[in-house]
Amino acid sequence: MADQLDHRRIDADVIRVWQNQAILVCRIPMLRGHDAQLLVAADVNTAEEVAESDADELFELISPIAKSNEGKRILRGGKLPDLEEINEWISYAKQNRELVAA
């Protein structure tokens, strides 16, 4: 796909990141795109990983990313995720949906 796009900033790794983000948003109810971006940036790539996470540990993993330049770009002036929001991610991830081809 990256070869077909032929764009200097898009390679196989970028496409893989986009795929992981899209899958998280599709599988975890109520998860927003920027939430998925933060999770994938923290190398949390599946609904199962989110569902099995400890909220405090996931918060400690996400927080420095959210505060980084990359995180600020992802959040675009929005609020940083707090422990309550992380708990919601985990709760929703426990209700995850299977992917079904269209």
PDB file of N, CA and C in Angstrom:
ATOM      1  N   MET A   1       0.829  -1.186   0.000  1.00  0.00           N
ATOM      2  CA  MET A   1       0.000   0.000   0.000  1.00  0.00           C
ATOM      3  C   MET A   1       0.877   1.253   0.000  1.00  0.00           C
ATOM      4  N   ALA A   2       1.910   1.267   0.829  1.00  0.00           N
ATOM      5  CA  ALA A   2       2.799   2.431   0.889  1.00  0.00           C
ATOM      6  C   ALA A   2       3.442   2.685  -0.467  1.00  0.00           C
ATOM      7  N   ASP A   3       3.840   1.613  -1.142  1.00  0.00           N
ATOM      8  CA  ASP A   3       4.436   1.763  -2.472  1.00  0.00           C
ATOM      9  C   ASP A   3       3.423   2.357  -3.454  1.00  0.00           C
ATOM     10  N   GLN A   4       2.200   1.924  -3.355  1.00  0.00           N
ATOM     11  CA  GLN A   4       1.171   2.434  -4.259  1.00  0.00           C
ATOM     12  C   GLN A   4       0.872   3.910  -3.991  1.00  0.00           C
ATOM     13  N   LEU A   5       0.902   4.301  -2.727  1.00  0.00           N
ATOM     14  CA  LEU A   5       0.650   5.706  -2.388  1.00  0.00           C
ATOM     15  C   LEU A   5       1.798   6.598  -2.834  1.00  0.00           C
ATOM     16  N   ASP A   6       3.001   6.049  -2.775  1.00  0.00           N
ATOM     17  CA  ASP A   6       4.192   6.760  -3.243  1.00  0.00           C
ATOM     18  C   ASP A   6       4.288   8.169  -2.650  1.00  0.00           C
ATOM     19  N   HIS A   7       4.236   8.223  -1.321  1.00  0.00           N
ATOM     20  CA  HIS A   7       4.364   9.499  -0.604  1.00  0.00           C
ATOM     21  C   HIS A   7       5.532   9.365   0.363  1.00  0.00           C
ATOM     22  N   ARG A   8       6.387  10.349   0.378  1.00  0.00           N
ATOM     23  CA  ARG A   8       7.624  10.235   1.162  1.00  0.00           C
ATOM     24  C   ARG A   8       7.397  10.113   2.663  1.00  0.00           C
ATOM     25  N   ARG A   9       6.277  10.554   3.171  1.00  0.00           N
ATOM     26  CA  ARG A   9       6.020  10.480   4.614  1.00  0.00           C
ATOM     27  C   ARG A   9       5.168   9.281   5.018  1.00  0.00           C
ATOM     28  N   ILE A  10       4.767   8.484   4.056  1.00  0.00           N
ATOM     29  CA  ILE A  10       3.921   7.324   4.357  1.00  0.00           C
ATOM     30  C   ILE A  10       4.659   6.057   3.966  1.00  0.00           C
ATOM     31  N   ASP A  11       4.974   5.270   4.993  1.00  0.00           N
ATOM     32  CA  ASP A  11       5.624   3.987   4.751  1.00  0.00           C
ATOM     33  C   ASP A  11       4.785   2.888   5.410  1.00  0.00           C
ATOM     34  N   ALA A  12       5.267   1.672   5.357  1.00  0.00           N
ATOM     35  CA  ALA A  12       4.517   0.534   5.901  1.00  0.00           C
ATOM     36  C   ALA A  12       4.237   0.708   7.393  1.00  0.00           C
ATOM     37  N   ASP A  13       5.177   1.283   8.140  1.00  0.00           N
ATOM     38  CA  ASP A  13       4.960   1.487   9.576  1.00  0.00           C
ATOM     39  C   ASP A  13       3.827   2.462   9.838  1.00  0.00           C
ATOM     40  N   VAL A  14       3.763   3.534   9.074  1.00  0.00           N
ATOM     41  CA  VAL A  14       2.691   4.523   9.228  1.00  0.00           C
ATOM     42  C   VAL A  14       1.342   3.876   8.935  1.00  0.00           C
ATOM     43  N   ILE A  15       1.278   3.094   7.897  1.00  0.00           N
ATOM     44  CA  ILE A  15       0.027   2.420   7.543  1.00  0.00           C
ATOM     45  C   ILE A  15      -0.374   1.429   8.633  1.00  0.00           C
ATOM     46  N   ARG A  16       0.587   0.710   9.180  1.00  0.00           N
ATOM     47  CA  ARG A  16       0.308  -0.235  10.266  1.00  0.00           C
ATOM     48  C   ARG A  16      -0.259   0.502  11.484  1.00  0.00           C
ATOM     49  N   VAL A  17       0.298   1.661  11.813  1.00  0.00           N
ATOM     50  CA  VAL A  17      -0.202   2.472  12.932  1.00  0.00           C
ATOM     51  C   VAL A  17      -1.649   2.894  12.654  1.00  0.00           C
ATOM     52  N   TRP A  18      -1.907   3.373  11.440  1.00  0.00           N
ATOM     53  CA  TRP A  18      -3.272   3.777  11.086  1.00  0.00           C
ATOM     54  C   TRP A  18      -4.238   2.602  11.196  1.00  0.00           C
ATOM     55  N   GLN A  19      -3.818   1.438  10.759  1.00  0.00           N
ATOM     56  CA  GLN A  19      -4.678   0.256  10.836  1.00  0.00           C
ATOM     57  C   GLN A  19      -4.986  -0.086  12.292  1.00  0.00           C
ATOM     58  N   ASN A  20      -3.969  -0.071  13.146  1.00  0.00           N
ATOM     59  CA  ASN A  20      -4.181  -0.373  14.560  1.00  0.00           C
ATOM     60  C   ASN A  20      -5.129   0.636  15.209  1.00  0.00           C
ATOM     61  N   GLN A  21      -4.986   1.907  14.867  1.00  0.00           N
ATOM     62  CA  GLN A  21      -5.875   2.934  15.410  1.00  0.00           C
ATOM     63  C   GLN A  21      -7.316   2.690  14.949  1.00  0.00           C
ATOM     64  N   ALA A  22      -7.487   2.414  13.670  1.00  0.00           N
ATOM     65  CA  ALA A  22      -8.826   2.179  13.126  1.00  0.00           C
ATOM     66  C   ALA A  22      -9.475   0.955  13.761  1.00  0.00           C
ATOM     67  N   ILE A  23      -8.698  -0.096  13.952  1.00  0.00           N
ATOM     68  CA  ILE A  23      -9.240  -1.315  14.564  1.00  0.00           C
ATOM     69  C   ILE A  23      -9.676  -1.048  15.998  1.00  0.00           C
ATOM     70  N   LEU A  24      -8.880  -0.299  16.750  1.00  0.00           N
ATOM     71  CA  LEU A  24      -9.277   0.029  18.123  1.00  0.00           C
ATOM     72  C   LEU A  24     -10.592   0.800  18.147  1.00  0.00           C
ATOM     73  N   VAL A  25     -10.726   1.792  17.280  1.00  0.00           N
ATOM     74  CA  VAL A  25     -11.947   2.596  17.249  1.00  0.00           C
ATOM     75  C   VAL A  25     -13.150   1.736  16.848  1.00  0.00           C
ATOM     76  N   CYS A  26     -12.947   0.810  15.940  1.00  0.00           N
ATOM     77  CA  CYS A  26     -14.037  -0.067  15.511  1.00  0.00           C
ATOM     78  C   CYS A  26     -14.420  -1.083  16.578  1.00  0.00           C
ATOM     79  N   ARG A  27     -13.463  -1.527  17.360  1.00  0.00           N
ATOM     80  CA  ARG A  27     -13.722  -2.602  18.318  1.00  0.00           C
ATOM     81  C   ARG A  27     -14.136  -2.116  19.698  1.00  0.00           C
ATOM     82  N   ILE A  28     -13.703  -0.921  20.106  1.00  0.00           N
ATOM     83  CA  ILE A  28     -13.999  -0.450  21.464  1.00  0.00           C
ATOM     84  C   ILE A  28     -15.085   0.620  21.379  1.00  0.00           C
ATOM     85  N   PRO A  29     -16.273   0.311  21.880  1.00  0.00           N
ATOM     86  CA  PRO A  29     -17.351   1.293  21.834  1.00  0.00           C
ATOM     87  C   PRO A  29     -16.938   2.598  22.530  1.00  0.00           C
ATOM     88  N   MET A  30     -17.351   3.707  21.958  1.00  0.00           N
ATOM     89  CA  MET A  30     -17.149   5.048  22.520  1.00  0.00           C
ATOM     90  C   MET A  30     -15.702   5.545  22.473  1.00  0.00           C
ATOM     91  N   LEU A  31     -14.780   4.763  21.974  1.00  0.00           N
ATOM     92  CA  LEU A  31     -13.390   5.208  21.886  1.00  0.00           C
ATOM     93  C   LEU A  31     -13.273   6.204  20.733  1.00  0.00           C
ATOM     94  N   ARG A  32     -12.642   7.333  21.001  1.00  0.00           N
ATOM     95  CA  ARG A  32     -12.483   8.367  19.977  1.00  0.00           C
ATOM     96  C   ARG A  32     -11.147   8.187  19.266  1.00  0.00           C
ATOM     97  N   GLY A  33     -11.040   8.801  18.116  1.00  0.00           N
ATOM     98  CA  GLY A  33      -9.841   8.675  17.308  1.00  0.00           C
ATOM     99  C   GLY A  33      -8.581   9.096  18.034  1.00  0.00           C
ATOM    100  N   HIS A  34      -8.643  10.222  18.757  1.00  0.00           N
ATOM    101  CA  HIS A  34      -7.428  10.664  19.441  1.00  0.00           C
ATOM    102  C   HIS A  34      -7.075   9.739  20.612  1.00  0.00           C
ATOM    103  N   ASP A  35      -8.075   9.080  21.192  1.00  0.00           N
ATOM    104  CA  ASP A  35      -7.797   8.095  22.241  1.00  0.00           C
ATOM    105  C   ASP A  35      -7.011   6.926  21.647  1.00  0.00           C
ATOM    106  N   ALA A  36      -7.455   6.464  20.480  1.00  0.00           N
ATOM    107  CA  ALA A  36      -6.765   5.363  19.802  1.00  0.00           C
ATOM    108  C   ALA A  36      -5.350   5.776  19.410  1.00  0.00           C
ATOM    109  N   GLN A  37      -5.169   7.013  18.982  1.00  0.00           N
ATOM    110  CA  GLN A  37      -3.832   7.483  18.631  1.00  0.00           C
ATOM    111  C   GLN A  37      -2.911   7.428  19.847  1.00  0.00           C
ATOM    112  N   LEU A  38      -3.407   7.849  21.001  1.00  0.00           N
ATOM    113  CA  LEU A  38      -2.589   7.802  22.217  1.00  0.00           C
ATOM    114  C   LEU A  38      -2.267   6.362  22.610  1.00  0.00           C
ATOM    115  N   LEU A  39      -3.258   5.493  22.529  1.00  0.00           N
ATOM    116  CA  LEU A  39      -3.029   4.092  22.884  1.00  0.00           C
ATOM    117  C   LEU A  39      -1.984   3.455  21.978  1.00  0.00           C
ATOM    118  N   VAL A  40      -2.107   3.656  20.684  1.00  0.00           N
ATOM    119  CA  VAL A  40      -1.149   3.058  19.749  1.00  0.00           C
ATOM    120  C   VAL A  40       0.232   3.672  19.946  1.00  0.00           C
ATOM    121  N   ALA A  41       0.296   4.962  20.231  1.00  0.00           N
ATOM    122  CA  ALA A  41       1.589   5.599  20.511  1.00  0.00           C
ATOM    123  C   ALA A  41       2.237   4.972  21.740  1.00  0.00           C
ATOM    124  N   ALA A  42       1.415   4.461  22.662  1.00  0.00           N
ATOM    125  CA  ALA A  42       1.917   3.776  23.860  1.00  0.00           C
ATOM    126  C   ALA A  42       2.119   2.291  23.616  1.00  0.00           C
ATOM    127  N   ASP A  43       1.985   1.853  22.364  1.00  0.00           N
ATOM    128  CA  ASP A  43       2.151   0.458  21.963  1.00  0.00           C
ATOM    129  C   ASP A  43       1.085  -0.452  22.579  1.00  0.00           C
ATOM    130  N   VAL A  44      -0.115   0.094  22.751  1.00  0.00           N
ATOM    131  CA  VAL A  44      -1.279  -0.684  23.171  1.00  0.00           C
ATOM    132  C   VAL A  44      -2.148  -0.777  21.928  1.00  0.00           C
ATOM    133  N   ASN A  45      -2.152  -1.943  21.289  1.00  0.00           N
ATOM    134  CA  ASN A  45      -2.696  -2.066  19.944  1.00  0.00           C
ATOM    135  C   ASN A  45      -3.960  -2.899  19.802  1.00  0.00           C
ATOM    136  N   THR A  46      -4.434  -3.521  20.870  1.00  0.00           N
ATOM    137  CA  THR A  46      -5.634  -4.354  20.741  1.00  0.00           C
ATOM    138  C   THR A  46      -6.632  -4.033  21.848  1.00  0.00           C
ATOM    139  N   ALA A  47      -7.893  -4.324  21.547  1.00  0.00           N
ATOM    140  CA  ALA A  47      -8.950  -4.134  22.544  1.00  0.00           C
ATOM    141  C   ALA A  47      -8.684  -5.011  23.769  1.00  0.00           C
ATOM    142  N   GLU A  48      -8.140  -6.197  23.528  1.00  0.00           N
ATOM    143  CA  GLU A  48      -7.851  -7.097  24.640  1.00  0.00           C
ATOM    144  C   GLU A  48      -6.792  -6.510  25.575  1.00  0.00           C
ATOM    145  N   GLU A  49      -5.780  -5.875  25.004  1.00  0.00           N
ATOM    146  CA  GLU A  49      -4.748  -5.241  25.833  1.00  0.00           C
ATOM    147  C   GLU A  49      -5.352  -4.141  26.702  1.00  0.00           C
ATOM    148  N   VAL A  50      -6.251  -3.356  26.122  1.00  0.00           N
ATOM    149  CA  VAL A  50      -6.897  -2.289  26.888  1.00  0.00           C
ATOM    150  C   VAL A  50      -7.761  -2.905  27.983  1.00  0.00           C
ATOM    151  N   ALA A  51      -8.559  -3.910  27.636  1.00  0.00           N
ATOM    152  CA  ALA A  51      -9.476  -4.544  28.591  1.00  0.00           C
ATOM    153  C   ALA A  51      -8.740  -5.160  29.782  1.00  0.00           C
ATOM    154  N   GLU A  52      -7.548  -5.677  29.533  1.00  0.00           N
ATOM    155  CA  GLU A  52      -6.788  -6.348  30.593  1.00  0.00           C
ATOM    156  C   GLU A  52      -5.876  -5.391  31.361  1.00  0.00           C
ATOM    157  N   SER A  53      -5.886  -4.125  31.001  1.00  0.00           N
ATOM    158  CA  SER A  53      -4.983  -3.156  31.624  1.00  0.00           C
ATOM    159  C   SER A  53      -5.449  -2.758  33.013  1.00  0.00           C
ATOM    160  N   ASP A  54      -4.482  -2.442  33.847  1.00  0.00           N
ATOM    161  CA  ASP A  54      -4.743  -1.797  35.125  1.00  0.00           C
ATOM    162  C   ASP A  54      -4.841  -0.297  34.836  1.00  0.00           C
ATOM    163  N   ALA A  55      -5.875   0.356  35.345  1.00  0.00           N
ATOM    164  CA  ALA A  55      -6.114   1.762  35.024  1.00  0.00           C
ATOM    165  C   ALA A  55      -4.934   2.653  35.417  1.00  0.00           C
ATOM    166  N   ASP A  56      -4.393   2.441  36.598  1.00  0.00           N
ATOM    167  CA  ASP A  56      -3.268   3.272  37.049  1.00  0.00           C
ATOM    168  C   ASP A  56      -2.045   3.076  36.154  1.00  0.00           C
ATOM    169  N   GLU A  57      -1.773   1.838  35.784  1.00  0.00           N
ATOM    170  CA  GLU A  57      -0.618   1.561  34.920  1.00  0.00           C
ATOM    171  C   GLU A  57      -0.820   2.137  33.523  1.00  0.00           C
ATOM    172  N   LEU A  58      -2.029   2.006  32.991  1.00  0.00           N
ATOM    173  CA  LEU A  58      -2.304   2.559  31.669  1.00  0.00           C
ATOM    174  C   LEU A  58      -2.226   4.083  31.700  1.00  0.00           C
ATOM    175  N   PHE A  59      -2.722   4.680  32.769  1.00  0.00           N
ATOM    176  CA  PHE A  59      -2.625   6.139  32.923  1.00  0.00           C
ATOM    177  C   PHE A  59      -1.161   6.572  32.953  1.00  0.00           C
ATOM    178  N   GLU A  60      -0.337   5.852  33.680  1.00  0.00           N
ATOM    179  CA  GLU A  60       1.099   6.176  33.756  1.00  0.00           C
ATOM    180  C   GLU A  60       1.784   6.004  32.405  1.00  0.00           C
ATOM    181  N   LEU A  61       1.285   5.123  31.596  1.00  0.00           N
ATOM    182  CA  LEU A  61       1.836   4.898  30.255  1.00  0.00           C
ATOM    183  C   LEU A  61       1.385   5.996  29.286  1.00  0.00           C
ATOM    184  N   ILE A  62       0.117   6.385  29.370  1.00  0.00           N
ATOM    185  CA  ILE A  62      -0.475   7.357  28.447  1.00  0.00           C
ATOM    186  C   ILE A  62      -0.086   8.793  28.799  1.00  0.00           C
ATOM    187  N   SER A  63      -0.013   9.109  30.066  1.00  0.00           N
ATOM    188  CA  SER A  63       0.191  10.492  30.505  1.00  0.00           C
ATOM    189  C   SER A  63       1.413  11.170  29.890  1.00  0.00           C
ATOM    190  N   PRO A  64       2.611  10.557  29.922  1.00  0.00           N
ATOM    191  CA  PRO A  64       3.759  11.241  29.320  1.00  0.00           C
ATOM    192  C   PRO A  64       3.621  11.418  27.807  1.00  0.00           C
ATOM    193  N   ILE A  65       2.949  10.489  27.167  1.00  0.00           N
ATOM    194  CA  ILE A  65       2.733  10.622  25.725  1.00  0.00           C
ATOM    195  C   ILE A  65       1.790  11.788  25.457  1.00  0.00           C
ATOM    196  N   ALA A  66       0.713  11.880  26.241  1.00  0.00           N
ATOM    197  CA  ALA A  66      -0.262  12.957  26.061  1.00  0.00           C
ATOM    198  C   ALA A  66       0.363  14.328  26.297  1.00  0.00           C
ATOM    199  N   LYS A  67       1.354  14.390  27.173  1.00  0.00           N
ATOM    200  CA  LYS A  67       2.009  15.660  27.502  1.00  0.00           C
ATOM    201  C   LYS A  67       3.149  16.002  26.543  1.00  0.00           C
ATOM    202  N   SER A  68       3.547  15.056  25.718  1.00  0.00           N
ATOM    203  CA  SER A  68       4.651  15.274  24.781  1.00  0.00           C
ATOM    204  C   SER A  68       4.189  16.135  23.603  1.00  0.00           C
ATOM    205  N   ASN A  69       5.126  16.543  22.781  1.00  0.00           N
ATOM    206  CA  ASN A  69       4.769  17.300  21.573  1.00  0.00           C
ATOM    207  C   ASN A  69       3.841  16.488  20.677  1.00  0.00           C
ATOM    208  N   GLU A  70       4.135  15.195  20.547  1.00  0.00           N
ATOM    209  CA  GLU A  70       3.272  14.325  19.743  1.00  0.00           C
ATOM    210  C   GLU A  70       1.864  14.285  20.327  1.00  0.00           C
ATOM    211  N   GLY A  71       1.777  14.156  21.644  1.00  0.00           N
ATOM    212  CA  GLY A  71       0.480  14.119  22.313  1.00  0.00           C
ATOM    213  C   GLY A  71      -0.291  15.413  22.151  1.00  0.00           C
ATOM    214  N   LYS A  72       0.403  16.530  22.255  1.00  0.00           N
ATOM    215  CA  LYS A  72      -0.258  17.830  22.054  1.00  0.00           C
ATOM    216  C   LYS A  72      -0.800  17.950  20.636  1.00  0.00           C
ATOM    217  N   ARG A  73      -0.065  17.422  19.679  1.00  0.00           N
ATOM    218  CA  ARG A  73      -0.528  17.426  18.290  1.00  0.00           C
ATOM    219  C   ARG A  73      -1.764  16.531  18.155  1.00  0.00           C
ATOM    220  N   ILE A  74      -1.733  15.383  18.801  1.00  0.00           N
ATOM    221  CA  ILE A  74      -2.872  14.460  18.747  1.00  0.00           C
ATOM    222  C   ILE A  74      -4.107  15.091  19.391  1.00  0.00           C
ATOM    223  N   LEU A  75      -3.931  15.702  20.543  1.00  0.00           N
ATOM    224  CA  LEU A  75      -5.065  16.249  21.298  1.00  0.00           C
ATOM    225  C   LEU A  75      -5.564  17.586  20.756  1.00  0.00           C
ATOM    226  N   ARG A  76      -4.733  18.299  20.026  1.00  0.00           N
ATOM    227  CA  ARG A  76      -5.121  19.566  19.395  1.00  0.00           C
ATOM    228  C   ARG A  76      -5.839  20.505  20.349  1.00  0.00           C
ATOM    229  N   GLY A  77      -5.245  20.719  21.496  1.00  0.00           N
ATOM    230  CA  GLY A  77      -5.814  21.656  22.456  1.00  0.00           C
ATOM    231  C   GLY A  77      -6.874  21.059  23.362  1.00  0.00           C
ATOM    232  N   GLY A  78      -7.233  19.803  23.156  1.00  0.00           N
ATOM    233  CA  GLY A  78      -8.214  19.146  24.022  1.00  0.00           C
ATOM    234  C   GLY A  78      -7.596  18.765  25.353  1.00  0.00           C
ATOM    235  N   LYS A  79      -8.419  18.305  26.248  1.00  0.00           N
ATOM    236  CA  LYS A  79      -7.920  17.964  27.580  1.00  0.00           C
ATOM    237  C   LYS A  79      -7.186  16.626  27.580  1.00  0.00           C
ATOM    238  N   LEU A  80      -6.228  16.536  28.464  1.00  0.00           N
ATOM    239  CA  LEU A  80      -5.481  15.294  28.639  1.00  0.00           C
ATOM    240  C   LEU A  80      -6.403  14.242  29.244  1.00  0.00           C
ATOM    241  N   PRO A  81      -6.249  12.989  28.848  1.00  0.00           N
ATOM    242  CA  PRO A  81      -7.074  11.957  29.483  1.00  0.00           C
ATOM    243  C   PRO A  81      -6.715  11.841  30.961  1.00  0.00           C
ATOM    244  N   ASP A  82      -7.736  11.706  31.792  1.00  0.00           N
ATOM    245  CA  ASP A  82      -7.500  11.531  33.220  1.00  0.00           C
ATOM    246  C   ASP A  82      -7.810  10.081  33.597  1.00  0.00           C
ATOM    247  N   LEU A  83      -7.622   9.769  34.859  1.00  0.00           N
ATOM    248  CA  LEU A  83      -7.806   8.394  35.316  1.00  0.00           C
ATOM    249  C   LEU A  83      -9.248   7.926  35.089  1.00  0.00           C
ATOM    250  N   GLU A  84     -10.212   8.805  35.250  1.00  0.00           N
ATOM    251  CA  GLU A  84     -11.612   8.438  35.023  1.00  0.00           C
ATOM    252  C   GLU A  84     -11.837   8.026  33.563  1.00  0.00           C
ATOM    253  N   GLU A  85     -11.255   8.790  32.637  1.00  0.00           N
ATOM    254  CA  GLU A  85     -11.401   8.455  31.221  1.00  0.00           C
ATOM    255  C   GLU A  85     -10.702   7.137  30.889  1.00  0.00           C
ATOM    256  N   ILE A  86      -9.528   6.914  31.472  1.00  0.00           N
ATOM    257  CA  ILE A  86      -8.811   5.652  31.249  1.00  0.00           C
ATOM    258  C   ILE A  86      -9.658   4.478  31.744  1.00  0.00           C
ATOM    259  N   ASN A  87     -10.298   4.647  32.898  1.00  0.00           N
ATOM    260  CA  ASN A  87     -11.186   3.599  33.405  1.00  0.00           C
ATOM    261  C   ASN A  87     -12.339   3.331  32.441  1.00  0.00           C
ATOM    262  N   GLU A  88     -12.854   4.391  31.809  1.00  0.00           N
ATOM    263  CA  GLU A  88     -13.920   4.212  30.823  1.00  0.00           C
ATOM    264  C   GLU A  88     -13.410   3.420  29.615  1.00  0.00           C
ATOM    265  N   TRP A  89     -12.196   3.736  29.152  1.00  0.00           N
ATOM    266  CA  TRP A  89     -11.623   2.981  28.035  1.00  0.00           C
ATOM    267  C   TRP A  89     -11.596   1.495  28.363  1.00  0.00           C
ATOM    268  N   ILE A  90     -11.130   1.183  29.569  1.00  0.00           N
ATOM    269  CA  ILE A  90     -11.007  -0.216  29.988  1.00  0.00           C
ATOM    270  C   ILE A  90     -12.387  -0.871  30.059  1.00  0.00           C
ATOM    271  N   SER A  91     -13.342  -0.167  30.638  1.00  0.00           N
ATOM    272  CA  SER A  91     -14.702  -0.692  30.749  1.00  0.00           C
ATOM    273  C   SER A  91     -15.302  -0.956  29.373  1.00  0.00           C
ATOM    274  N   TYR A  92     -15.164  -0.014  28.468  1.00  0.00           N
ATOM    275  CA  TYR A  92     -15.679  -0.197  27.110  1.00  0.00           C
ATOM    276  C   TYR A  92     -14.928  -1.307  26.369  1.00  0.00           C
ATOM    277  N   ALA A  93     -13.638  -1.401  26.599  1.00  0.00           N
ATOM    278  CA  ALA A  93     -12.846  -2.435  25.923  1.00  0.00           C
ATOM    279  C   ALA A  93     -13.287  -3.830  26.351  1.00  0.00           C
ATOM    280  N   LYS A  94     -13.785  -3.953  27.558  1.00  0.00           N
ATOM    281  CA  LYS A  94     -14.288  -5.245  28.018  1.00  0.00           C
ATOM    282  C   LYS A  94     -15.557  -5.644  27.283  1.00  0.00           C
ATOM    283  N   GLN A  95     -16.207  -4.680  26.623  1.00  0.00           N
ATOM    284  CA  GLN A  95     -17.396  -4.930  25.825  1.00  0.00           C
ATOM    285  C   GLN A  95     -17.050  -4.949  24.335  1.00  0.00           C
ATOM    286  N   ASN A  96     -15.782  -5.184  24.027  1.00  0.00           N
ATOM    287  CA  ASN A  96     -15.311  -5.029  22.646  1.00  0.00           C
ATOM    288  C   ASN A  96     -16.092  -5.883  21.669  1.00  0.00           C
ATOM    289  N   ARG A  97     -16.106  -5.386  20.446  1.00  0.00           N
ATOM    290  CA  ARG A  97     -16.813  -6.060  19.353  1.00  0.00           C
ATOM    291  C   ARG A  97     -15.791  -6.733  18.448  1.00  0.00           C
ATOM    292  N   GLU A  98     -16.209  -7.802  17.849  1.00  0.00           N
ATOM    293  CA  GLU A  98     -15.367  -8.449  16.842  1.00  0.00           C
ATOM    294  C   GLU A  98     -15.476  -7.670  15.550  1.00  0.00           C
ATOM    295  N   LEU A  99     -14.423  -7.688  14.784  1.00  0.00           N
ATOM    296  CA  LEU A  99     -14.469  -7.054  13.466  1.00  0.00           C
ATOM    297  C   LEU A  99     -15.239  -7.948  12.514  1.00  0.00           C
ATOM    298  N   VAL A 100     -16.093  -7.353  11.719  1.00  0.00           N
ATOM    299  CA  VAL A 100     -16.852  -8.088  10.716  1.00  0.00           C
ATOM    300  C   VAL A 100     -16.632  -7.388   9.391  1.00  0.00           C
ATOM    301  N   ALA A 101     -16.236  -8.151   8.400  1.00  0.00           N
ATOM    302  CA  ALA A 101     -16.007  -7.571   7.075  1.00  0.00           C
ATOM    303  C   ALA A 101     -17.317  -7.053   6.497  1.00  0.00           C
ATOM    304  N   ALA A 102     -17.222  -5.922   5.846  1.00  0.00           N
ATOM    305  CA  ALA A 102     -18.427  -5.321   5.234  1.00  0.00           C
ATOM    306  C   ALA A 102     -18.793  -6.033   3.963  1.00  0.00           C
TER     307      ALA A 102
END
